[in-house]
Amino acid sequence: VHWESQDDMKQRFPGVEVVDALFCVDGDVATAAGGMSSMDMM
């Protein structure tokens, strides 16, 4: 998730392994930090 929301996500959703990366593809779910990282993910 975007770096500004990482701590919030870790606190609210402990069952999610939040990684500090541009993007992450885990099976059939992909997440990107935003901005140009969305293009990198695609």
PDB file of all heavy atoms in Angstrom:
ATOM      1  N   VAL A   1       0.874  -1.166   0.000  1.00  0.00           N
ATOM      2  CA  VAL A   1       0.000   0.000   0.000  1.00  0.00           C
ATOM      3  C   VAL A   1       0.913   1.218   0.000  1.00  0.00           C
ATOM      4  O   VAL A   1       2.106   1.100   0.304  1.00  0.00           O
ATOM      5  CB  VAL A   1      -0.942  -0.036   1.241  1.00  0.00           C
ATOM      6  CG1 VAL A   1      -0.166   0.113   2.531  1.00  0.00           C
ATOM      7  CG2 VAL A   1      -2.069   0.965   1.142  1.00  0.00           C
ATOM      8  N   HIS A   2       0.388   2.372  -0.338  1.00  0.00           N
ATOM      9  CA  HIS A   2       1.188   3.592  -0.339  1.00  0.00           C
ATOM     10  C   HIS A   2       1.878   3.749   1.014  1.00  0.00           C
ATOM     11  O   HIS A   2       1.295   3.462   2.060  1.00  0.00           O
ATOM     12  CB  HIS A   2       0.294   4.800  -0.618  1.00  0.00           C
ATOM     13  CG  HIS A   2       1.052   6.049  -0.890  1.00  0.00           C
ATOM     14  ND1 HIS A   2       1.507   6.861   0.131  1.00  0.00           N
ATOM     15  CD2 HIS A   2       1.454   6.619  -2.053  1.00  0.00           C
ATOM     16  CE1 HIS A   2       2.147   7.888  -0.396  1.00  0.00           C
ATOM     17  NE2 HIS A   2       2.132   7.759  -1.722  1.00  0.00           N
ATOM     18  N   TRP A   3       3.118   4.216   1.005  1.00  0.00           N
ATOM     19  CA  TRP A   3       3.921   4.277   2.237  1.00  0.00           C
ATOM     20  C   TRP A   3       3.244   5.063   3.345  1.00  0.00           C
ATOM     21  O   TRP A   3       3.434   4.773   4.523  1.00  0.00           O
ATOM     22  CB  TRP A   3       5.321   4.812   1.964  1.00  0.00           C
ATOM     23  CG  TRP A   3       5.399   6.211   1.407  1.00  0.00           C
ATOM     24  CD1 TRP A   3       5.465   6.563   0.085  1.00  0.00           C
ATOM     25  CD2 TRP A   3       5.428   7.433   2.146  1.00  0.00           C
ATOM     26  NE1 TRP A   3       5.526   7.925  -0.043  1.00  0.00           N
ATOM     27  CE2 TRP A   3       5.505   8.489   1.207  1.00  0.00           C
ATOM     28  CE3 TRP A   3       5.398   7.744   3.490  1.00  0.00           C
ATOM     29  CZ2 TRP A   3       5.549   9.828   1.570  1.00  0.00           C
ATOM     30  CZ3 TRP A   3       5.442   9.087   3.875  1.00  0.00           C
ATOM     31  CH2 TRP A   3       5.517  10.096   2.909  1.00  0.00           C
ATOM     32  N   GLU A   4       2.414   6.051   3.002  1.00  0.00           N
ATOM     33  CA  GLU A   4       1.734   6.829   4.041  1.00  0.00           C
ATOM     34  C   GLU A   4       0.676   6.002   4.785  1.00  0.00           C
ATOM     35  O   GLU A   4       0.285   6.367   5.882  1.00  0.00           O
ATOM     36  CB  GLU A   4       1.068   8.069   3.448  1.00  0.00           C
ATOM     37  CG  GLU A   4       2.051   9.117   2.988  1.00  0.00           C
ATOM     38  CD  GLU A   4       1.367  10.339   2.430  1.00  0.00           C
ATOM     39  OE1 GLU A   4       0.387  10.197   1.665  1.00  0.00           O
ATOM     40  OE2 GLU A   4       1.815  11.448   2.744  1.00  0.00           O
ATOM     41  N   SER A   5       0.221   4.915   4.188  1.00  0.00           N
ATOM     42  CA  SER A   5      -0.836   4.091   4.791  1.00  0.00           C
ATOM     43  C   SER A   5      -0.332   2.760   5.343  1.00  0.00           C
ATOM     44  O   SER A   5      -1.123   1.964   5.845  1.00  0.00           O
ATOM     45  CB  SER A   5      -1.923   3.822   3.744  1.00  0.00           C
ATOM     46  OG  SER A   5      -2.499   5.029   3.308  1.00  0.00           O
ATOM     47  N   GLN A   6       0.966   2.499   5.245  1.00  0.00           N
ATOM     48  CA  GLN A   6       1.489   1.203   5.677  1.00  0.00           C
ATOM     49  C   GLN A   6       1.238   0.917   7.153  1.00  0.00           C
ATOM     50  O   GLN A   6       0.776  -0.172   7.507  1.00  0.00           O
ATOM     51  CB  GLN A   6       2.981   1.089   5.373  1.00  0.00           C
ATOM     52  CG  GLN A   6       3.270   0.835   3.924  1.00  0.00           C
ATOM     53  CD  GLN A   6       4.754   0.748   3.627  1.00  0.00           C
ATOM     54  OE1 GLN A   6       5.600   0.953   4.498  1.00  0.00           O
ATOM     55  NE2 GLN A   6       5.072   0.442   2.388  1.00  0.00           N
ATOM     56  N   ASP A   7       1.538   1.868   8.024  1.00  0.00           N
ATOM     57  CA  ASP A   7       1.339   1.633   9.457  1.00  0.00           C
ATOM     58  C   ASP A   7      -0.136   1.395   9.768  1.00  0.00           C
ATOM     59  O   ASP A   7      -0.474   0.515  10.564  1.00  0.00           O
ATOM     60  CB  ASP A   7       1.878   2.801  10.287  1.00  0.00           C
ATOM     61  CG  ASP A   7       3.394   2.859  10.292  1.00  0.00           C
ATOM     62  OD1 ASP A   7       4.036   1.825   9.991  1.00  0.00           O
ATOM     63  OD2 ASP A   7       3.940   3.936  10.588  1.00  0.00           O
ATOM     64  N   ASP A   8      -1.015   2.188   9.158  1.00  0.00           N
ATOM     65  CA  ASP A   8      -2.457   2.034   9.366  1.00  0.00           C
ATOM     66  C   ASP A   8      -2.913   0.637   8.947  1.00  0.00           C
ATOM     67  O   ASP A   8      -3.652  -0.031   9.669  1.00  0.00           O
ATOM     68  CB  ASP A   8      -3.211   3.103   8.561  1.00  0.00           C
ATOM     69  CG  ASP A   8      -4.712   3.031   8.743  1.00  0.00           C
ATOM     70  OD1 ASP A   8      -5.170   2.780   9.884  1.00  0.00           O
ATOM     71  OD2 ASP A   8      -5.436   3.237   7.752  1.00  0.00           O
ATOM     72  N   MET A   9      -2.437   0.181   7.796  1.00  0.00           N
ATOM     73  CA  MET A   9      -2.838  -1.140   7.303  1.00  0.00           C
ATOM     74  C   MET A   9      -2.326  -2.244   8.227  1.00  0.00           C
ATOM     75  O   MET A   9      -3.060  -3.195   8.513  1.00  0.00           O
ATOM     76  CB  MET A   9      -2.344  -1.351   5.882  1.00  0.00           C
ATOM     77  CG  MET A   9      -2.912  -2.596   5.235  1.00  0.00           C
ATOM     78  SD  MET A   9      -2.762  -2.462   3.449  1.00  0.00           S
ATOM     79  CE  MET A   9      -3.195  -4.105   2.963  1.00  0.00           C
ATOM     80  N   LYS A  10      -1.085  -2.118   8.690  1.00  0.00           N
ATOM     81  CA  LYS A  10      -0.535  -3.131   9.596  1.00  0.00           C
ATOM     82  C   LYS A  10      -1.345  -3.207  10.886  1.00  0.00           C
ATOM     83  O   LYS A  10      -1.602  -4.300  11.389  1.00  0.00           O
ATOM     84  CB  LYS A  10       0.929  -2.818   9.926  1.00  0.00           C
ATOM     85  CG  LYS A  10       1.881  -3.078   8.786  1.00  0.00           C
ATOM     86  CD  LYS A  10       3.294  -2.634   9.141  1.00  0.00           C
ATOM     87  CE  LYS A  10       4.231  -2.778   7.951  1.00  0.00           C
ATOM     88  NZ  LYS A  10       5.573  -2.254   8.250  1.00  0.00           N
ATOM     89  N   GLN A  11      -1.759  -2.056  11.409  1.00  0.00           N
ATOM     90  CA  GLN A  11      -2.526  -2.026  12.655  1.00  0.00           C
ATOM     91  C   GLN A  11      -3.930  -2.583  12.469  1.00  0.00           C
ATOM     92  O   GLN A  11      -4.400  -3.377  13.272  1.00  0.00           O
ATOM     93  CB  GLN A  11      -2.639  -0.592  13.188  1.00  0.00           C
ATOM     94  CG  GLN A  11      -1.489  -0.162  14.039  1.00  0.00           C
ATOM     95  CD  GLN A  11      -1.764   1.208  14.638  1.00  0.00           C
ATOM     96  OE1 GLN A  11      -2.418   2.054  14.041  1.00  0.00           O
ATOM     97  NE2 GLN A  11      -1.252   1.422  15.832  1.00  0.00           N
ATOM     98  N   ARG A  12      -4.597  -2.150  11.425  1.00  0.00           N
ATOM     99  CA  ARG A  12      -5.996  -2.520  11.216  1.00  0.00           C
ATOM    100  C   ARG A  12      -6.193  -3.937  10.697  1.00  0.00           C
ATOM    101  O   ARG A  12      -7.234  -4.546  10.929  1.00  0.00           O
ATOM    102  CB  ARG A  12      -6.654  -1.532  10.251  1.00  0.00           C
ATOM    103  CG  ARG A  12      -6.839  -0.158  10.865  1.00  0.00           C
ATOM    104  CD  ARG A  12      -7.409   0.856   9.902  1.00  0.00           C
ATOM    105  NE  ARG A  12      -8.644   0.421   9.282  1.00  0.00           N
ATOM    106  CZ  ARG A  12      -9.115   0.913   8.143  1.00  0.00           C
ATOM    107  NH1 ARG A  12      -8.457   1.863   7.515  1.00  0.00           N
ATOM    108  NH2 ARG A  12     -10.237   0.475   7.635  1.00  0.00           N
ATOM    109  N   PHE A  13      -5.187  -4.470   9.986  1.00  0.00           N
ATOM    110  CA  PHE A  13      -5.336  -5.779   9.346  1.00  0.00           C
ATOM    111  C   PHE A  13      -4.121  -6.659   9.634  1.00  0.00           C
ATOM    112  O   PHE A  13      -3.290  -6.896   8.753  1.00  0.00           O
ATOM    113  CB  PHE A  13      -5.549  -5.605   7.836  1.00  0.00           C
ATOM    114  CG  PHE A  13      -6.682  -4.675   7.507  1.00  0.00           C
ATOM    115  CD1 PHE A  13      -6.438  -3.382   7.078  1.00  0.00           C
ATOM    116  CD2 PHE A  13      -8.001  -5.086   7.661  1.00  0.00           C
ATOM    117  CE1 PHE A  13      -7.479  -2.509   6.789  1.00  0.00           C
ATOM    118  CE2 PHE A  13      -9.046  -4.227   7.372  1.00  0.00           C
ATOM    119  CZ  PHE A  13      -8.793  -2.935   6.934  1.00  0.00           C
ATOM    120  N   PRO A  14      -4.016  -7.164  10.853  1.00  0.00           N
ATOM    121  CA  PRO A  14      -2.844  -7.972  11.224  1.00  0.00           C
ATOM    122  C   PRO A  14      -2.734  -9.279  10.433  1.00  0.00           C
ATOM    123  O   PRO A  14      -1.662  -9.873  10.382  1.00  0.00           O
ATOM    124  CB  PRO A  14      -3.038  -8.236  12.720  1.00  0.00           C
ATOM    125  CG  PRO A  14      -4.483  -8.005  12.977  1.00  0.00           C
ATOM    126  CD  PRO A  14      -4.947  -7.002  11.965  1.00  0.00           C
ATOM    127  N   GLY A  15      -3.797  -9.712   9.792  1.00  0.00           N
ATOM    128  CA  GLY A  15      -3.762 -10.931   8.991  1.00  0.00           C
ATOM    129  C   GLY A  15      -3.180 -10.733   7.604  1.00  0.00           C
ATOM    130  O   GLY A  15      -3.069 -11.676   6.825  1.00  0.00           O
ATOM    131  N   VAL A  16      -2.791  -9.500   7.295  1.00  0.00           N
ATOM    132  CA  VAL A  16      -2.192  -9.179   5.993  1.00  0.00           C
ATOM    133  C   VAL A  16      -0.703  -8.929   6.211  1.00  0.00           C
ATOM    134  O   VAL A  16      -0.319  -8.172   7.095  1.00  0.00           O
ATOM    135  CB  VAL A  16      -2.842  -7.922   5.374  1.00  0.00           C
ATOM    136  CG1 VAL A  16      -2.172  -7.563   4.054  1.00  0.00           C
ATOM    137  CG2 VAL A  16      -4.339  -8.114   5.191  1.00  0.00           C
ATOM    138  N   GLU A  17       0.126  -9.567   5.413  1.00  0.00           N
ATOM    139  CA  GLU A  17       1.567  -9.306   5.473  1.00  0.00           C
ATOM    140  C   GLU A  17       1.861  -8.092   4.592  1.00  0.00           C
ATOM    141  O   GLU A  17       1.912  -8.199   3.363  1.00  0.00           O
ATOM    142  CB  GLU A  17       2.369 -10.515   4.986  1.00  0.00           C
ATOM    143  CG  GLU A  17       3.858 -10.311   5.094  1.00  0.00           C
ATOM    144  CD  GLU A  17       4.670 -11.445   4.483  1.00  0.00           C
ATOM    145  OE1 GLU A  17       4.117 -12.538   4.274  1.00  0.00           O
ATOM    146  OE2 GLU A  17       5.863 -11.206   4.211  1.00  0.00           O
ATOM    147  N   VAL A  18       2.004  -6.943   5.220  1.00  0.00           N
ATOM    148  CA  VAL A  18       2.243  -5.693   4.490  1.00  0.00           C
ATOM    149  C   VAL A  18       3.730  -5.586   4.169  1.00  0.00           C
ATOM    150  O   VAL A  18       4.565  -5.629   5.059  1.00  0.00           O
ATOM    151  CB  VAL A  18       1.779  -4.468   5.314  1.00  0.00           C
ATOM    152  CG1 VAL A  18       2.030  -3.180   4.545  1.00  0.00           C
ATOM    153  CG2 VAL A  18       0.305  -4.607   5.677  1.00  0.00           C
ATOM    154  N   VAL A  19       4.034  -5.473   2.883  1.00  0.00           N
ATOM    155  CA  VAL A  19       5.419  -5.382   2.445  1.00  0.00           C
ATOM    156  C   VAL A  19       5.696  -3.984   1.899  1.00  0.00           C
ATOM    157  O   VAL A  19       4.832  -3.352   1.310  1.00  0.00           O
ATOM    158  CB  VAL A  19       5.761  -6.454   1.375  1.00  0.00           C
ATOM    159  CG1 VAL A  19       5.657  -7.848   1.962  1.00  0.00           C
ATOM    160  CG2 VAL A  19       4.871  -6.331   0.157  1.00  0.00           C
ATOM    161  N   ASP A  20       6.912  -3.492   2.144  1.00  0.00           N
ATOM    162  CA  ASP A  20       7.322  -2.187   1.635  1.00  0.00           C
ATOM    163  C   ASP A  20       7.912  -2.409   0.252  1.00  0.00           C
ATOM    164  O   ASP A  20       9.118  -2.576   0.099  1.00  0.00           O
ATOM    165  CB  ASP A  20       8.345  -1.553   2.582  1.00  0.00           C
ATOM    166  CG  ASP A  20       8.755  -0.162   2.128  1.00  0.00           C
ATOM    167  OD1 ASP A  20       8.006   0.462   1.359  1.00  0.00           O
ATOM    168  OD2 ASP A  20       9.836   0.300   2.535  1.00  0.00           O
ATOM    169  N   ALA A  21       7.041  -2.445  -0.725  1.00  0.00           N
ATOM    170  CA  ALA A  21       7.452  -2.717  -2.097  1.00  0.00           C
ATOM    171  C   ALA A  21       6.648  -1.823  -3.035  1.00  0.00           C
ATOM    172  O   ALA A  21       5.621  -1.271  -2.643  1.00  0.00           O
ATOM    173  CB  ALA A  21       7.206  -4.185  -2.440  1.00  0.00           C
ATOM    174  N   LEU A  22       7.109  -1.694  -4.266  1.00  0.00           N
ATOM    175  CA  LEU A  22       6.363  -0.921  -5.254  1.00  0.00           C
ATOM    176  C   LEU A  22       5.035  -1.586  -5.571  1.00  0.00           C
ATOM    177  O   LEU A  22       4.010  -0.926  -5.675  1.00  0.00           O
ATOM    178  CB  LEU A  22       7.173  -0.783  -6.545  1.00  0.00           C
ATOM    179  CG  LEU A  22       8.436   0.055  -6.462  1.00  0.00           C
ATOM    180  CD1 LEU A  22       9.180   0.008  -7.794  1.00  0.00           C
ATOM    181  CD2 LEU A  22       8.105   1.490  -6.084  1.00  0.00           C
ATOM    182  N   PHE A  23       5.070  -2.899  -5.738  1.00  0.00           N
ATOM    183  CA  PHE A  23       3.854  -3.652  -6.010  1.00  0.00           C
ATOM    184  C   PHE A  23       4.037  -5.071  -5.511  1.00  0.00           C
ATOM    185  O   PHE A  23       5.146  -5.493  -5.205  1.00  0.00           O
ATOM    186  CB  PHE A  23       3.492  -3.631  -7.503  1.00  0.00           C
ATOM    187  CG  PHE A  23       4.511  -4.266  -8.402  1.00  0.00           C
ATOM    188  CD1 PHE A  23       4.436  -5.615  -8.726  1.00  0.00           C
ATOM    189  CD2 PHE A  23       5.542  -3.520  -8.931  1.00  0.00           C
ATOM    190  CE1 PHE A  23       5.374  -6.199  -9.560  1.00  0.00           C
ATOM    191  CE2 PHE A  23       6.483  -4.088  -9.773  1.00  0.00           C
ATOM    192  CZ  PHE A  23       6.401  -5.439 -10.088  1.00  0.00           C
ATOM    193  N   CYS A  24       2.937  -5.784  -5.431  1.00  0.00           N
ATOM    194  CA  CYS A  24       2.974  -7.159  -4.945  1.00  0.00           C
ATOM    195  C   CYS A  24       1.861  -7.936  -5.647  1.00  0.00           C
ATOM    196  O   CYS A  24       0.708  -7.504  -5.649  1.00  0.00           O
ATOM    197  CB  CYS A  24       2.763  -7.163  -3.432  1.00  0.00           C
ATOM    198  SG  CYS A  24       2.806  -8.805  -2.691  1.00  0.00           S
ATOM    199  N   VAL A  25       2.207  -9.043  -6.250  1.00  0.00           N
ATOM    200  CA  VAL A  25       1.213  -9.919  -6.857  1.00  0.00           C
ATOM    201  C   VAL A  25       1.232 -11.214  -6.060  1.00  0.00           C
ATOM    202  O   VAL A  25       2.243 -11.906  -5.998  1.00  0.00           O
ATOM    203  CB  VAL A  25       1.521 -10.189  -8.355  1.00  0.00           C
ATOM    204  CG1 VAL A  25       0.472 -11.103  -8.958  1.00  0.00           C
ATOM    205  CG2 VAL A  25       1.611  -8.869  -9.132  1.00  0.00           C
ATOM    206  N   ASP A  26       0.109 -11.514  -5.413  1.00  0.00           N
ATOM    207  CA  ASP A  26      -0.022 -12.725  -4.606  1.00  0.00           C
ATOM    208  C   ASP A  26      -1.208 -13.512  -5.146  1.00  0.00           C
ATOM    209  O   ASP A  26      -2.363 -13.230  -4.823  1.00  0.00           O
ATOM    210  CB  ASP A  26      -0.227 -12.366  -3.131  1.00  0.00           C
ATOM    211  CG  ASP A  26      -0.168 -13.588  -2.224  1.00  0.00           C
ATOM    212  OD1 ASP A  26      -0.220 -14.727  -2.729  1.00  0.00           O
ATOM    213  OD2 ASP A  26      -0.066 -13.400  -0.996  1.00  0.00           O
ATOM    214  N   GLY A  27      -0.904 -14.442  -6.010  1.00  0.00           N
ATOM    215  CA  GLY A  27      -1.965 -15.238  -6.624  1.00  0.00           C
ATOM    216  C   GLY A  27      -2.826 -14.386  -7.530  1.00  0.00           C
ATOM    217  O   GLY A  27      -2.328 -13.732  -8.436  1.00  0.00           O
ATOM    218  N   ASP A  28      -4.129 -14.356  -7.232  1.00  0.00           N
ATOM    219  CA  ASP A  28      -5.057 -13.612  -8.079  1.00  0.00           C
ATOM    220  C   ASP A  28      -5.378 -12.218  -7.530  1.00  0.00           C
ATOM    221  O   ASP A  28      -6.360 -11.597  -7.913  1.00  0.00           O
ATOM    222  CB  ASP A  28      -6.343 -14.409  -8.288  1.00  0.00           C
ATOM    223  CG  ASP A  28      -7.052 -14.731  -6.985  1.00  0.00           C
ATOM    224  OD1 ASP A  28      -6.491 -14.464  -5.909  1.00  0.00           O
ATOM    225  OD2 ASP A  28      -8.181 -15.259  -7.041  1.00  0.00           O
ATOM    226  N   VAL A  29      -4.541 -11.730  -6.632  1.00  0.00           N
ATOM    227  CA  VAL A  29      -4.713 -10.386  -6.080  1.00  0.00           C
ATOM    228  C   VAL A  29      -3.394  -9.626  -6.218  1.00  0.00           C
ATOM    229  O   VAL A  29      -2.342 -10.120  -5.829  1.00  0.00           O
ATOM    230  CB  VAL A  29      -5.147 -10.417  -4.592  1.00  0.00           C
ATOM    231  CG1 VAL A  29      -5.277  -9.009  -4.043  1.00  0.00           C
ATOM    232  CG2 VAL A  29      -6.456 -11.174  -4.431  1.00  0.00           C
ATOM    233  N   ALA A  30      -3.483  -8.428  -6.782  1.00  0.00           N
ATOM    234  CA  ALA A  30      -2.297  -7.592  -6.979  1.00  0.00           C
ATOM    235  C   ALA A  30      -2.522  -6.255  -6.289  1.00  0.00           C
ATOM    236  O   ALA A  30      -3.640  -5.730  -6.297  1.00  0.00           O
ATOM    237  CB  ALA A  30      -2.045  -7.384  -8.474  1.00  0.00           C
ATOM    238  N   THR A  31      -1.474  -5.735  -5.692  1.00  0.00           N
ATOM    239  CA  THR A  31      -1.547  -4.430  -5.045  1.00  0.00           C
ATOM    240  C   THR A  31      -0.350  -3.599  -5.465  1.00  0.00           C
ATOM    241  O   THR A  31       0.725  -4.133  -5.698  1.00  0.00           O
ATOM    242  CB  THR A  31      -1.582  -4.568  -3.506  1.00  0.00           C
ATOM    243  OG1 THR A  31      -0.482  -5.374  -3.072  1.00  0.00           O
ATOM    244  CG2 THR A  31      -2.885  -5.200  -3.035  1.00  0.00           C
ATOM    245  N   ALA A  32      -0.563  -2.292  -5.563  1.00  0.00           N
ATOM    246  CA  ALA A  32       0.518  -1.378  -5.933  1.00  0.00           C
ATOM    247  C   ALA A  32       0.446  -0.148  -5.044  1.00  0.00           C
ATOM    248  O   ALA A  32      -0.634   0.267  -4.610  1.00  0.00           O
ATOM    249  CB  ALA A  32       0.410  -0.974  -7.400  1.00  0.00           C
ATOM    250  N   ALA A  33       1.598   0.443  -4.786  1.00  0.00           N
ATOM    251  CA  ALA A  33       1.692   1.594  -3.889  1.00  0.00           C
ATOM    252  C   ALA A  33       1.056   2.846  -4.475  1.00  0.00           C
ATOM    253  O   ALA A  33       0.736   3.771  -3.759  1.00  0.00           O
ATOM    254  CB  ALA A  33       3.153   1.854  -3.537  1.00  0.00           C
ATOM    255  N   GLY A  34       0.855   2.882  -5.776  1.00  0.00           N
ATOM    256  CA  GLY A  34       0.256   4.043  -6.423  1.00  0.00           C
ATOM    257  C   GLY A  34       1.236   4.719  -7.363  1.00  0.00           C
ATOM    258  O   GLY A  34       2.390   4.319  -7.476  1.00  0.00           O
ATOM    259  N   GLY A  35       0.766   5.739  -8.023  1.00  0.00           N
ATOM    260  CA  GLY A  35       1.615   6.471  -8.963  1.00  0.00           C
ATOM    261  C   GLY A  35       2.197   5.555 -10.024  1.00  0.00           C
ATOM    262  O   GLY A  35       1.516   4.684 -10.573  1.00  0.00           O
ATOM    263  N   MET A  36       3.474   5.703 -10.292  1.00  0.00           N
ATOM    264  CA  MET A  36       4.128   4.919 -11.335  1.00  0.00           C
ATOM    265  C   MET A  36       4.290   3.456 -10.966  1.00  0.00           C
ATOM    266  O   MET A  36       4.490   2.620 -11.836  1.00  0.00           O
ATOM    267  CB  MET A  36       5.488   5.531 -11.681  1.00  0.00           C
ATOM    268  CG  MET A  36       5.387   6.880 -12.371  1.00  0.00           C
ATOM    269  SD  MET A  36       4.301   6.879 -13.829  1.00  0.00           S
ATOM    270  CE  MET A  36       5.184   5.781 -14.901  1.00  0.00           C
ATOM    271  N   SER A  37       4.168   3.122  -9.684  1.00  0.00           N
ATOM    272  CA  SER A  37       4.265   1.706  -9.313  1.00  0.00           C
ATOM    273  C   SER A  37       3.119   0.902  -9.911  1.00  0.00           C
ATOM    274  O   SER A  37       3.253  -0.303 -10.126  1.00  0.00           O
ATOM    275  CB  SER A  37       4.301   1.537  -7.790  1.00  0.00           C
ATOM    276  OG  SER A  37       3.041   1.832  -7.212  1.00  0.00           O
ATOM    277  N   SER A  38       2.007   1.563 -10.204  1.00  0.00           N
ATOM    278  CA  SER A  38       0.882   0.890 -10.863  1.00  0.00           C
ATOM    279  C   SER A  38       1.303   0.424 -12.257  1.00  0.00           C
ATOM    280  O   SER A  38       0.963  -0.679 -12.680  1.00  0.00           O
ATOM    281  CB  SER A  38      -0.313   1.831 -10.980  1.00  0.00           C
ATOM    282  OG  SER A  38      -0.625   2.379  -9.730  1.00  0.00           O
ATOM    283  N   MET A  39       2.051   1.278 -12.946  1.00  0.00           N
ATOM    284  CA  MET A  39       2.559   0.918 -14.270  1.00  0.00           C
ATOM    285  C   MET A  39       3.567  -0.219 -14.155  1.00  0.00           C
ATOM    286  O   MET A  39       3.552  -1.152 -14.950  1.00  0.00           O
ATOM    287  CB  MET A  39       3.200   2.133 -14.945  1.00  0.00           C
ATOM    288  CG  MET A  39       3.839   1.812 -16.277  1.00  0.00           C
ATOM    289  SD  MET A  39       2.667   1.274 -17.529  1.00  0.00           S
ATOM    290  CE  MET A  39       2.495   2.758 -18.454  1.00  0.00           C
ATOM    291  N   ASP A  40       4.436  -0.151 -13.148  1.00  0.00           N
ATOM    292  CA  ASP A  40       5.411  -1.226 -12.936  1.00  0.00           C
ATOM    293  C   ASP A  40       4.695  -2.556 -12.698  1.00  0.00           C
ATOM    294  O   ASP A  40       5.108  -3.588 -13.220  1.00  0.00           O
ATOM    295  CB  ASP A  40       6.322  -0.901 -11.755  1.00  0.00           C
ATOM    296  CG  ASP A  40       7.231   0.279 -12.033  1.00  0.00           C
ATOM    297  OD1 ASP A  40       7.942   0.245 -13.055  1.00  0.00           O
ATOM    298  OD2 ASP A  40       7.247   1.219 -11.232  1.00  0.00           O
ATOM    299  N   MET A  41       3.615  -2.524 -11.914  1.00  0.00           N
ATOM    300  CA  MET A  41       2.854  -3.744 -11.641  1.00  0.00           C
ATOM    301  C   MET A  41       2.244  -4.296 -12.935  1.00  0.00           C
ATOM    302  O   MET A  41       2.334  -5.492 -13.210  1.00  0.00           O
ATOM    303  CB  MET A  41       1.744  -3.468 -10.624  1.00  0.00           C
ATOM    304  CG  MET A  41       0.883  -4.689 -10.321  1.00  0.00           C
ATOM    305  SD  MET A  41      -0.402  -4.361  -9.091  1.00  0.00           S
ATOM    306  CE  MET A  41      -1.519  -3.301 -10.008  1.00  0.00           C
ATOM    307  N   MET A  42       1.659  -3.427 -13.716  1.00  0.00           N
ATOM    308  CA  MET A  42       1.047  -3.888 -14.967  1.00  0.00           C
ATOM    309  C   MET A  42       2.103  -4.442 -15.920  1.00  0.00           C
ATOM    310  O   MET A  42       1.866  -5.453 -16.585  1.00  0.00           O
ATOM    311  CB  MET A  42       0.267  -2.745 -15.631  1.00  0.00           C
ATOM    312  CG  MET A  42      -0.969  -2.330 -14.854  1.00  0.00           C
ATOM    313  SD  MET A  42      -2.043  -3.712 -14.366  1.00  0.00           S
ATOM    314  CE  MET A  42      -2.439  -4.452 -15.914  1.00  0.00           C
TER     315      MET A  42
END
